[in-house]
Amino acid sequence: MLIQAEKDETLDDIISVIPALRAYAWSLTRKQQEVDDLVQETLTKAIANVGRFTRGTNVRAWLMTIMRNTFYNEIVKRNRERPGGKDCVSDIPVSAGSQEWSYYGNEIMKVVRQLPACYRETLILVVMLGESYETTAQICGVEIGTVKSRVSRARRMILEDLGEEEFTRL
């Protein structure tokens, strides 16, 4: 069990990871309104179980694993409930961005969203969030080589979808 000083230090570490948790939550949910809920649920579970955290291990990986498990458990729960229709007005954006860079960013994210879940998840963790291959392997529960190959394949799929064939041969 952790003594109070160690618990306080662990809570400080948890707070410092919140921006990365928000980014990872967005990559999982792809809906802004669900990001806050997922981060809040993750933090609630982490704080409730802070005594189970092993001091000296990677708090970021611990939190992202909690988030990932929470997200997938929620999917199972939602599949049983089936609320509302898919063409709900609340999912329609009010206005699109007008900047050119926004357009290209949206095109890339559209392709990223179409990737199979295993490729999308590893790509976002490694490339967009800057997680190490080791941490990503720990979060996803796979080997490091699997993470490396998934990231490589995801990059290649994105380049192909964007019509950048000359870069896919590199």
Foldseek 3Di string as FASTA:
>chain_A
DDDPVVLVVLVVVLVVCLVVQLLLLCLLPVDNVCSVVLSVVLVVVCNVVVVVDDPPDDSNLVSLLSSVVVSVVVVVVCVVVPDDDPPDPVVDDPDQDDDPVSVVVVLLVVQLVPDPPVLSSLLCVCPVSPDDLVSSCSSVVHDSVVSVVSPLVSVLSSCVVVVNVVVNVD
